[in-house]
Amino acid sequence: MRNLQRQTQDLYFSVKTFKTDGIDEVSVYSKPEKHKFSVSSSGSTPETYANGIVPDYDRYITSFDRDFMPIEGMQVWVDVTPELDYNGYLICDEDGIPTVLPDYTLRRKVDTKKGNVARYLIKKNGDEVPDYDDYVSNTPPVEPEPEPSEEPGDDENHD
């Protein structure tokens, strides 16, 4: 399999931006672009972990389309298909949120100037691990439980 044509699947890419509406910040998605690419089943190889490198992505997309120029941070529908209207735009609710949310974000492009293949590293949305400082600052302090007193006469059963 030279170019992975048998393993390609439909992917949708959209740029997510924000606009201010009064005092609210509203998400705005561009018209999704449909492409057929190969997507890995996992993000890295055992050698990556063996060398002490923890990747910041879950999977990668392999592309042979040299005209495709994605932007880091693009939203990607990989395992789900977005709902589109007859003009190809996303169907959104009253808050501007797509009815089918993108399941991945394009994190990084791994590409060369002359090569035939490009890889795009993607991260599953919602898998962000909170920073340790955020965790510590947002965790309420734990109050120690008072120790029971052992003094005579503190019994509740007074005979």
Protein backbone atom coordinates (compact mmCIF):
# COMPACT_ATOMS: atom_id res chain seq x y z
CA MET A 1 0.00 0.00 0.00
CA ARG A 2 2.00 2.92 -1.26
CA ASN A 3 -0.37 5.81 -0.61
CA LEU A 4 -2.89 4.45 1.93
CA GLN A 5 -5.84 5.03 -0.41
CA ARG A 6 -7.71 2.07 1.06
CA GLN A 7 -7.41 3.49 4.56
CA THR A 8 -8.67 7.00 3.86
CA GLN A 9 -11.77 8.40 5.49
CA ASP A 10 -13.78 11.60 5.22
CA LEU A 11 -12.54 14.32 7.55
CA TYR A 12 -13.95 17.81 7.99
CA PHE A 13 -11.78 20.81 8.93
CA SER A 14 -13.02 24.17 10.22
CA VAL A 15 -11.39 27.25 11.73
CA LYS A 16 -12.88 28.29 15.07
CA THR A 17 -12.72 31.99 15.91
CA PHE A 18 -14.38 34.14 18.53
CA LYS A 19 -16.33 37.37 18.16
CA THR A 20 -17.66 39.69 20.83
CA ASP A 21 -21.43 40.11 20.95
CA GLY A 22 -22.09 42.74 23.59
CA ILE A 23 -20.47 41.33 26.70
CA ASP A 24 -20.51 37.73 25.43
CA GLU A 25 -17.79 35.97 23.48
CA VAL A 26 -19.34 33.79 20.77
CA SER A 27 -17.66 30.93 18.87
CA VAL A 28 -17.77 31.21 15.09
CA TYR A 29 -16.90 28.27 12.83
CA SER A 30 -15.86 28.62 9.19
CA LYS A 31 -17.48 26.51 6.48
CA PRO A 32 -16.03 22.99 6.92
CA GLU A 33 -13.71 21.61 4.24
CA LYS A 34 -14.08 17.91 3.45
CA HIS A 35 -10.94 15.87 2.70
CA LYS A 36 -10.08 12.17 2.47
CA PHE A 37 -7.06 11.31 4.60
CA SER A 38 -5.65 8.38 6.51
CA VAL A 39 -5.92 8.60 10.31
CA SER A 40 -3.79 6.55 12.68
CA SER A 41 -5.41 4.36 15.29
CA SER A 42 -3.06 5.62 17.99
CA GLY A 43 -0.77 8.56 18.43
CA SER A 44 2.73 7.22 18.81
CA THR A 45 4.97 4.22 18.92
CA PRO A 46 6.27 2.35 21.96
CA GLU A 47 9.73 3.76 21.23
CA THR A 48 8.40 7.24 21.98
CA TYR A 49 7.38 6.28 25.49
CA ALA A 50 10.51 4.15 26.01
CA ASN A 51 12.66 7.22 25.36
CA GLY A 52 10.76 9.21 27.98
CA ILE A 53 8.88 11.36 25.50
CA VAL A 54 5.19 11.85 26.28
CA PRO A 55 3.45 13.06 23.12
CA ASP A 56 0.91 15.90 23.34
CA TYR A 57 -1.29 14.40 20.65
CA ASP A 58 -3.54 11.36 20.38
CA ARG A 59 -3.48 10.47 16.68
CA TYR A 60 -2.07 11.74 13.42
CA ILE A 61 -3.39 12.36 9.94
CA THR A 62 -1.31 11.34 6.91
CA SER A 63 -1.80 13.45 3.80
CA PHE A 64 -0.52 13.12 0.24
CA ASP A 65 -2.42 16.25 -0.85
CA ARG A 66 0.29 18.90 -1.16
CA ASP A 67 -2.33 21.61 -1.87
CA PHE A 68 -3.93 21.15 1.55
CA MET A 69 -2.62 23.84 3.92
CA PRO A 70 -4.27 23.49 7.34
CA ILE A 71 -3.84 25.92 10.21
CA GLU A 72 -2.77 24.77 13.65
CA GLY A 73 -5.76 24.97 15.98
CA MET A 74 -8.28 23.93 13.31
CA GLN A 75 -11.22 21.88 14.54
CA VAL A 76 -11.46 18.40 12.98
CA TRP A 77 -14.36 15.94 12.76
CA VAL A 78 -12.72 12.50 12.63
CA ASP A 79 -14.95 9.89 14.29
CA VAL A 80 -18.13 11.92 13.88
CA THR A 81 -19.72 13.67 10.90
CA PRO A 82 -20.89 17.28 11.27
CA GLU A 83 -24.46 18.20 10.39
CA LEU A 84 -24.39 20.54 7.40
CA ASP A 85 -27.10 22.62 5.75
CA TYR A 86 -27.72 22.52 1.99
CA ASN A 87 -25.01 25.19 1.43
CA GLY A 88 -22.39 23.19 3.34
CA TYR A 89 -22.35 25.31 6.50
CA LEU A 90 -22.57 23.85 9.99
CA ILE A 91 -25.99 23.54 11.59
CA CYS A 92 -25.71 25.33 14.93
CA ASP A 93 -27.99 25.91 17.90
CA GLU A 94 -29.15 29.36 19.05
CA ASP A 95 -25.81 29.91 20.85
CA GLY A 96 -23.79 29.26 17.68
CA ILE A 97 -22.54 25.87 18.86
CA PRO A 98 -22.57 23.12 16.19
CA THR A 99 -25.10 20.36 16.79
CA VAL A 100 -22.26 17.85 16.28
CA LEU A 101 -19.11 19.14 17.95
CA PRO A 102 -15.66 18.50 16.46
CA ASP A 103 -13.88 15.69 18.24
CA TYR A 104 -10.25 16.69 17.55
CA THR A 105 -8.06 19.79 17.28
CA LEU A 106 -5.11 19.98 14.90
CA ARG A 107 -2.10 20.54 17.19
CA ARG A 108 0.90 20.57 14.89
CA LYS A 109 2.00 20.18 11.28
CA VAL A 110 4.92 17.83 10.64
CA ASP A 111 5.93 18.58 7.09
CA THR A 112 8.87 19.11 4.75
CA LYS A 113 9.22 21.48 1.82
CA LYS A 114 9.98 18.83 -0.79
CA GLY A 115 8.41 15.64 0.57
CA ASN A 116 5.30 13.98 -0.77
CA VAL A 117 3.81 13.20 2.63
CA ALA A 118 2.68 15.48 5.44
CA ARG A 119 1.55 14.52 8.92
CA TYR A 120 -0.79 16.49 11.11
CA LEU A 121 -0.88 15.73 14.83
CA ILE A 122 -4.35 15.88 16.39
CA LYS A 123 -5.53 15.94 20.00
CA LYS A 124 -8.92 14.70 21.23
CA ASN A 125 -11.10 17.57 22.47
CA GLY A 126 -11.87 17.36 26.16
CA ASP A 127 -8.74 15.39 27.05
CA GLU A 128 -6.89 18.36 28.49
CA VAL A 129 -5.22 17.61 31.79
CA PRO A 130 -5.37 20.57 34.17
CA ASP A 131 -2.10 22.25 35.03
CA TYR A 132 -0.82 21.38 38.50
CA ASP A 133 -0.90 25.03 39.64
CA ASP A 134 -4.53 25.35 38.48
CA TYR A 135 -5.40 22.16 40.32
CA VAL A 136 -3.78 23.32 43.55
CA SER A 137 -5.27 26.82 43.38
CA ASN A 138 -8.80 25.50 42.65
CA THR A 139 -8.79 22.78 45.29
CA PRO A 140 -10.32 23.84 48.61
CA PRO A 141 -8.08 23.31 51.63
CA VAL A 142 -8.78 20.22 53.68
CA GLU A 143 -9.55 21.00 57.30
CA PRO A 144 -8.16 18.45 59.75
CA GLU A 145 -10.80 16.66 61.78
CA PRO A 146 -10.75 17.49 65.47
CA GLU A 147 -9.34 14.77 67.64
CA PRO A 148 -11.73 13.30 70.20
CA SER A 149 -10.97 14.44 73.71
CA GLU A 150 -9.91 11.78 76.15
CA GLU A 151 -10.56 13.70 79.35
CA PRO A 152 -12.64 11.95 82.01
CA GLY A 153 -16.12 13.37 82.40
CA ASP A 154 -16.66 13.99 78.68
CA ASP A 155 -18.80 10.87 78.47
CA GLU A 156 -22.33 11.45 77.29
CA ASN A 157 -23.70 8.71 79.56
CA HIS A 158 -23.64 10.25 83.00
CA ASP A 159 -24.96 7.79 85.58
